[in-house]
PDB file of N, CA and C in Angstrom:
ATOM      1  N   MET A   1     -71.382  33.687  80.414  1.00  0.00           N
ATOM      2  CA  MET A   1     -70.047  32.937  79.273  1.00  0.00           C
ATOM      3  C   MET A   1     -70.618  31.996  79.313  1.00  0.00           C
ATOM      4  N   LYS A   2     -70.630  31.233  78.232  1.00  0.00           N
ATOM      5  CA  LYS A   2     -70.393  29.930  77.574  1.00  0.00           C
ATOM      6  C   LYS A   2     -69.807  29.287  78.216  1.00  0.00           C
ATOM      7  N   GLN A   3     -70.422  27.306  78.121  1.00  0.00           N
ATOM      8  CA  GLN A   3     -69.371  26.439  78.802  1.00  0.00           C
ATOM      9  C   GLN A   3     -68.181  25.994  78.328  1.00  0.00           C
ATOM     10  N   GLU A   4     -67.083  26.518  78.655  1.00  0.00           N
ATOM     11  CA  GLU A   4     -65.706  26.537  77.850  1.00  0.00           C
ATOM     12  C   GLU A   4     -64.739  24.781  78.221  1.00  0.00           C
ATOM     13  N   LYS A   5     -64.475  24.746  77.516  1.00  0.00           N
ATOM     14  CA  LYS A   5     -63.319  23.393  77.814  1.00  0.00           C
ATOM     15  C   LYS A   5     -61.477  24.461  78.272  1.00  0.00           C
ATOM     16  N   PHE A   6     -61.469  24.132  79.304  1.00  0.00           N
ATOM     17  CA  PHE A   6     -60.368  24.665  79.677  1.00  0.00           C
ATOM     18  C   PHE A   6     -58.811  23.601  79.836  1.00  0.00           C
ATOM     19  N   THR A   7     -57.544  23.858  78.756  1.00  0.00           N
ATOM     20  CA  THR A   7     -56.599  22.928  79.415  1.00  0.00           C
ATOM     21  C   THR A   7     -56.334  23.373  80.609  1.00  0.00           C
ATOM     22  N   SER A   8     -55.055  22.231  81.012  1.00  0.00           N
ATOM     23  CA  SER A   8     -54.316  22.806  83.119  1.00  0.00           C
ATOM     24  C   SER A   8     -54.582  23.738  83.094  1.00  0.00           C
ATOM     25  N   LYS A   9     -53.608  24.395  81.244  1.00  0.00           N
ATOM     26  CA  LYS A   9     -52.952  25.668  81.523  1.00  0.00           C
ATOM     27  C   LYS A   9     -53.527  26.401  81.553  1.00  0.00           C
ATOM     28  N   GLU A  10     -54.445  26.395  80.829  1.00  0.00           N
ATOM     29  CA  GLU A  10     -55.776  27.664  81.409  1.00  0.00           C
ATOM     30  C   GLU A  10     -56.436  27.498  82.794  1.00  0.00           C
ATOM     31  N   GLN A  11     -56.740  25.981  83.670  1.00  0.00           N
ATOM     32  CA  GLN A  11     -57.190  26.262  84.446  1.00  0.00           C
ATOM     33  C   GLN A  11     -55.910  26.243  85.884  1.00  0.00           C
ATOM     34  N   SER A  12     -54.897  26.180  85.290  1.00  0.00           N
ATOM     35  CA  SER A  12     -54.216  26.721  86.290  1.00  0.00           C
ATOM     36  C   SER A  12     -53.756  28.300  86.192  1.00  0.00           C
ATOM     37  N   VAL A  13     -53.977  29.174  85.847  1.00  0.00           N
ATOM     38  CA  VAL A  13     -53.691  30.809  85.598  1.00  0.00           C
ATOM     39  C   VAL A  13     -55.250  31.140  85.830  1.00  0.00           C
ATOM     40  N   MET A  14     -56.222  29.993  85.527  1.00  0.00           N
ATOM     41  CA  MET A  14     -57.301  31.059  85.863  1.00  0.00           C
ATOM     42  C   MET A  14     -57.743  30.479  87.526  1.00  0.00           C
ATOM     43  N   ASN A  15     -56.711  29.049  87.842  1.00  0.00           N
ATOM     44  CA  ASN A  15     -56.858  28.879  90.000  1.00  0.00           C
ATOM     45  C   ASN A  15     -56.299  29.972  90.894  1.00  0.00           C
ATOM     46  N   VAL A  16     -55.048  30.417  89.817  1.00  0.00           N
ATOM     47  CA  VAL A  16     -54.380  31.859  90.498  1.00  0.00           C
ATOM     48  C   VAL A  16     -55.377  32.833  90.404  1.00  0.00           C
ATOM     49  N   LEU A  17     -55.852  33.390  89.211  1.00  0.00           N
ATOM     50  CA  LEU A  17     -55.861  34.665  89.714  1.00  0.00           C
ATOM     51  C   LEU A  17     -57.767  34.169  90.039  1.00  0.00           C
ATOM     52  N   ASN A  18     -58.221  33.099  91.271  1.00  0.00           N
ATOM     53  CA  ASN A  18     -59.757  33.960  91.187  1.00  0.00           C
ATOM     54  C   ASN A  18     -59.305  34.452  92.713  1.00  0.00           C
ATOM     55  N   GLU A  19     -57.404  34.091  93.295  1.00  0.00           N
ATOM     56  CA  GLU A  19     -56.883  34.717  94.990  1.00  0.00           C
ATOM     57  C   GLU A  19     -57.496  36.443  94.258  1.00  0.00           C
ATOM     58  N   ASN A  20     -56.355  36.254  93.341  1.00  0.00           N
ATOM     59  CA  ASN A  20     -56.254  38.421  92.499  1.00  0.00           C
ATOM     60  C   ASN A  20     -56.080  38.089  91.941  1.00  0.00           C
ATOM     61  N   HIS A  21     -56.608  39.545  91.196  1.00  0.00           N
ATOM     62  CA  HIS A  21     -56.100  40.813  90.511  1.00  0.00           C
ATOM     63  C   HIS A  21     -54.153  40.580  90.024  1.00  0.00           C
ATOM     64  N   LEU A  22     -53.749  40.288  89.592  1.00  0.00           N
ATOM     65  CA  LEU A  22     -52.595  39.966  89.452  1.00  0.00           C
ATOM     66  C   LEU A  22     -51.804  39.839  88.061  1.00  0.00           C
ATOM     67  N   THR A  23     -50.316  40.844  87.645  1.00  0.00           N
ATOM     68  CA  THR A  23     -49.816  41.068  85.862  1.00  0.00           C
ATOM     69  C   THR A  23     -49.447  40.038  85.541  1.00  0.00           C
ATOM     70  N   SER A  24     -48.485  39.427  84.779  1.00  0.00           N
ATOM     71  CA  SER A  24     -48.131  38.082  83.839  1.00  0.00           C
ATOM     72  C   SER A  24     -47.231  38.407  84.875  1.00  0.00           C
ATOM     73  N   TYR A  25     -46.541  39.013  85.440  1.00  0.00           N
ATOM     74  CA  TYR A  25     -45.187  38.354  86.049  1.00  0.00           C
ATOM     75  C   TYR A  25     -45.760  37.603  87.142  1.00  0.00           C
ATOM     76  N   GLU A  26     -46.444  37.999  88.215  1.00  0.00           N
ATOM     77  CA  GLU A  26     -46.803  37.654  89.711  1.00  0.00           C
ATOM     78  C   GLU A  26     -48.165  36.761  89.047  1.00  0.00           C
ATOM     79  N   ILE A  27     -48.433  36.518  88.392  1.00  0.00           N
ATOM     80  CA  ILE A  27     -49.168  34.711  87.210  1.00  0.00           C
ATOM     81  C   ILE A  27     -47.561  33.894  87.448  1.00  0.00           C
ATOM     82  N   LEU A  28     -47.215  34.588  86.481  1.00  0.00           N
ATOM     83  CA  LEU A  28     -45.922  33.828  86.394  1.00  0.00           C
ATOM     84  C   LEU A  28     -45.072  32.703  87.267  1.00  0.00           C
ATOM     85  N   GLN A  29     -44.681  33.098  88.282  1.00  0.00           N
ATOM     86  CA  GLN A  29     -44.223  33.094  89.987  1.00  0.00           C
ATOM     87  C   GLN A  29     -45.453  32.593  90.100  1.00  0.00           C
ATOM     88  N   LYS A  30     -46.779  32.022  90.154  1.00  0.00           N
ATOM     89  CA  LYS A  30     -47.688  31.328  90.595  1.00  0.00           C
ATOM     90  C   LYS A  30     -48.227  30.102  90.576  1.00  0.00           C
ATOM     91  N   VAL A  31     -47.518  30.201  88.721  1.00  0.00           N
ATOM     92  CA  VAL A  31     -48.955  29.195  88.373  1.00  0.00           C
ATOM     93  C   VAL A  31     -47.536  27.886  88.305  1.00  0.00           C
ATOM     94  N   GLU A  32     -48.234  26.442  88.151  1.00  0.00           N
ATOM     95  CA  GLU A  32     -47.299  25.857  87.998  1.00  0.00           C
ATOM     96  C   GLU A  32     -47.524  24.865  86.156  1.00  0.00           C
ATOM     97  N   GLY A  33     -46.380  24.635  86.063  1.00  0.00           N
ATOM     98  CA  GLY A  33     -46.869  24.081  84.589  1.00  0.00           C
ATOM     99  C   GLY A  33     -45.943  25.110  83.481  1.00  0.00           C
ATOM    100  N   ILE A  34     -45.846  26.488  84.079  1.00  0.00           N
ATOM    101  CA  ILE A  34     -45.790  27.547  83.036  1.00  0.00           C
ATOM    102  C   ILE A  34     -44.533  27.605  83.579  1.00  0.00           C
ATOM    103  N   SER A  35     -43.412  27.803  82.098  1.00  0.00           N
ATOM    104  CA  SER A  35     -42.579  28.615  83.293  1.00  0.00           C
ATOM    105  C   SER A  35     -41.796  29.558  82.402  1.00  0.00           C
ATOM    106  N   LEU A  36     -42.677  30.157  80.851  1.00  0.00           N
ATOM    107  CA  LEU A  36     -42.249  30.619  79.669  1.00  0.00           C
ATOM    108  C   LEU A  36     -42.827  32.090  79.885  1.00  0.00           C
ATOM    109  N   LEU A  37     -42.567  33.225  80.068  1.00  0.00           N
ATOM    110  CA  LEU A  37     -43.075  34.196  79.523  1.00  0.00           C
ATOM    111  C   LEU A  37     -44.582  34.005  78.044  1.00  0.00           C
ATOM    112  N   LEU A  38     -43.724  33.967  77.334  1.00  0.00           N
ATOM    113  CA  LEU A  38     -44.143  33.428  75.808  1.00  0.00           C
ATOM    114  C   LEU A  38     -45.650  32.807  76.199  1.00  0.00           C
ATOM    115  N   VAL A  39     -45.529  32.118  76.758  1.00  0.00           N
ATOM    116  CA  VAL A  39     -46.000  30.770  76.981  1.00  0.00           C
ATOM    117  C   VAL A  39     -47.693  31.213  77.742  1.00  0.00           C
ATOM    118  N   LEU A  40     -47.037  32.067  78.885  1.00  0.00           N
ATOM    119  CA  LEU A  40     -48.469  33.061  79.058  1.00  0.00           C
ATOM    120  C   LEU A  40     -49.533  33.700  78.992  1.00  0.00           C
ATOM    121  N   TYR A  41     -48.437  34.058  77.905  1.00  0.00           N
ATOM    122  CA  TYR A  41     -49.156  35.273  77.341  1.00  0.00           C
ATOM    123  C   TYR A  41     -49.996  34.354  76.207  1.00  0.00           C
ATOM    124  N   ARG A  42     -49.865  33.629  75.702  1.00  0.00           N
ATOM    125  CA  ARG A  42     -49.991  33.027  74.620  1.00  0.00           C
ATOM    126  C   ARG A  42     -51.824  32.158  75.463  1.00  0.00           C
ATOM    127  N   VAL A  43     -51.483  31.547  76.538  1.00  0.00           N
ATOM    128  CA  VAL A  43     -52.480  31.162  77.142  1.00  0.00           C
ATOM    129  C   VAL A  43     -53.071  31.681  78.208  1.00  0.00           C
ATOM    130  N   LEU A  44     -53.341  33.151  78.571  1.00  0.00           N
ATOM    131  CA  LEU A  44     -53.787  34.402  78.608  1.00  0.00           C
ATOM    132  C   LEU A  44     -54.808  34.911  77.652  1.00  0.00           C
ATOM    133  N   ASP A  45     -54.009  35.119  76.406  1.00  0.00           N
ATOM    134  CA  ASP A  45     -54.352  35.507  74.751  1.00  0.00           C
ATOM    135  C   ASP A  45     -55.818  34.586  74.638  1.00  0.00           C
ATOM    136  N   GLN A  46     -55.801  33.423  75.189  1.00  0.00           N
ATOM    137  CA  GLN A  46     -56.424  31.651  75.091  1.00  0.00           C
ATOM    138  C   GLN A  46     -57.915  31.829  76.279  1.00  0.00           C
ATOM    139  N   LEU A  47     -57.361  32.617  77.124  1.00  0.00           N
ATOM    140  CA  LEU A  47     -58.430  33.012  77.572  1.00  0.00           C
ATOM    141  C   LEU A  47     -59.831  33.727  77.631  1.00  0.00           C
ATOM    142  N   HIS A  48     -58.777  35.160  77.180  1.00  0.00           N
ATOM    143  CA  HIS A  48     -59.246  36.060  76.919  1.00  0.00           C
ATOM    144  C   HIS A  48     -59.870  36.333  75.719  1.00  0.00           C
ATOM    145  N   ASN A  49     -60.238  35.146  75.256  1.00  0.00           N
ATOM    146  CA  ASN A  49     -60.773  34.938  73.237  1.00  0.00           C
ATOM    147  C   ASN A  49     -62.319  33.423  73.545  1.00  0.00           C
ATOM    148  N   LYS A  50     -61.773  33.895  74.993  1.00  0.00           N
ATOM    149  CA  LYS A  50     -62.819  32.170  75.937  1.00  0.00           C
ATOM    150  C   LYS A  50     -63.937  33.024  76.179  1.00  0.00           C
ATOM    151  N   GLY A  51     -63.812  34.390  76.516  1.00  0.00           N
ATOM    152  CA  GLY A  51     -64.791  35.194  77.383  1.00  0.00           C
ATOM    153  C   GLY A  51     -64.169  34.826  79.013  1.00  0.00           C
ATOM    154  N   ALA A  52     -63.276  34.603  79.557  1.00  0.00           N
ATOM    155  CA  ALA A  52     -62.580  34.077  80.575  1.00  0.00           C
ATOM    156  C   ALA A  52     -62.615  34.420  81.582  1.00  0.00           C
ATOM    157  N   LEU A  53     -61.729  35.945  80.652  1.00  0.00           N
ATOM    158  CA  LEU A  53     -60.155  36.335  81.770  1.00  0.00           C
ATOM    159  C   LEU A  53     -60.726  38.088  80.555  1.00  0.00           C
ATOM    160  N   LEU A  54     -60.030  38.838  81.664  1.00  0.00           N
ATOM    161  CA  LEU A  54     -60.468  40.287  81.477  1.00  0.00           C
ATOM    162  C   LEU A  54     -59.458  40.572  81.952  1.00  0.00           C
ATOM    163  N   SER A  55     -58.786  42.231  81.627  1.00  0.00           N
ATOM    164  CA  SER A  55     -57.480  42.850  81.497  1.00  0.00           C
ATOM    165  C   SER A  55     -58.333  44.482  82.151  1.00  0.00           C
ATOM    166  N   TYR A  56     -57.082  45.252  83.157  1.00  0.00           N
ATOM    167  CA  TYR A  56     -57.468  46.501  82.847  1.00  0.00           C
ATOM    168  C   TYR A  56     -55.410  46.902  83.518  1.00  0.00           C
ATOM    169  N   MET A  57     -55.425  48.610  83.266  1.00  0.00           N
ATOM    170  CA  MET A  57     -54.161  49.165  83.132  1.00  0.00           C
ATOM    171  C   MET A  57     -53.777  49.576  84.192  1.00  0.00           C
ATOM    172  N   LYS A  58     -53.477  49.657  85.358  1.00  0.00           N
ATOM    173  CA  LYS A  58     -53.180  50.738  86.983  1.00  0.00           C
ATOM    174  C   LYS A  58     -51.793  50.757  86.796  1.00  0.00           C
ATOM    175  N   GLU A  59     -51.929  52.142  87.602  1.00  0.00           N
ATOM    176  CA  GLU A  59     -50.399  52.455  87.381  1.00  0.00           C
ATOM    177  C   GLU A  59     -49.606  51.745  86.809  1.00  0.00           C
ATOM    178  N   ASP A  60     -49.169  51.350  85.235  1.00  0.00           N
ATOM    179  CA  ASP A  60     -48.539  51.541  84.037  1.00  0.00           C
ATOM    180  C   ASP A  60     -47.832  49.878  84.235  1.00  0.00           C
ATOM    181  N   ARG A  61     -49.263  48.919  85.371  1.00  0.00           N
ATOM    182  CA  ARG A  61     -49.156  47.954  84.585  1.00  0.00           C
ATOM    183  C   ARG A  61     -50.878  47.290  84.233  1.00  0.00           C
ATOM    184  N   LYS A  62     -50.517  46.242  83.837  1.00  0.00           N
ATOM    185  CA  LYS A  62     -51.776  45.457  83.390  1.00  0.00           C
ATOM    186  C   LYS A  62     -52.269  44.489  84.104  1.00  0.00           C
ATOM    187  N   TYR A  63     -53.279  44.369  84.464  1.00  0.00           N
ATOM    188  CA  TYR A  63     -53.713  43.415  85.713  1.00  0.00           C
ATOM    189  C   TYR A  63     -54.680  42.682  85.163  1.00  0.00           C
ATOM    190  N   HIS A  64     -54.697  41.551  85.286  1.00  0.00           N
ATOM    191  CA  HIS A  64     -55.865  40.059  85.114  1.00  0.00           C
ATOM    192  C   HIS A  64     -56.782  39.561  85.950  1.00  0.00           C
ATOM    193  N   TYR A  65     -57.551  39.050  85.662  1.00  0.00           N
ATOM    194  CA  TYR A  65     -58.839  38.600  86.276  1.00  0.00           C
ATOM    195  C   TYR A  65     -59.456  37.825  85.909  1.00  0.00           C
ATOM    196  N   VAL A  66     -60.216  36.824  86.571  1.00  0.00           N
ATOM    197  CA  VAL A  66     -61.038  36.015  85.818  1.00  0.00           C
ATOM    198  C   VAL A  66     -62.837  36.181  86.377  1.00  0.00           C
ATOM    199  N   CYS A  67     -63.649  36.750  84.864  1.00  0.00           N
ATOM    200  CA  CYS A  67     -64.823  37.076  84.588  1.00  0.00           C
ATOM    201  C   CYS A  67     -65.753  36.044  85.576  1.00  0.00           C
TER     202      CYS A  67
END
């Protein structure tokens, strides 16, 4: 992954995901500075586009993790 600059919201999400693979709802419950699910989805999309985040489906739930 090339060196990218991350916003404070992106860094907060990555810090939470360094601990465990989590669903969007679980991330929303743990991260500070993001209170709306739509805002979280935008941050997740940005991280995915930067190559910092991957996702997978398990038991009909989408989990995210830092790569």
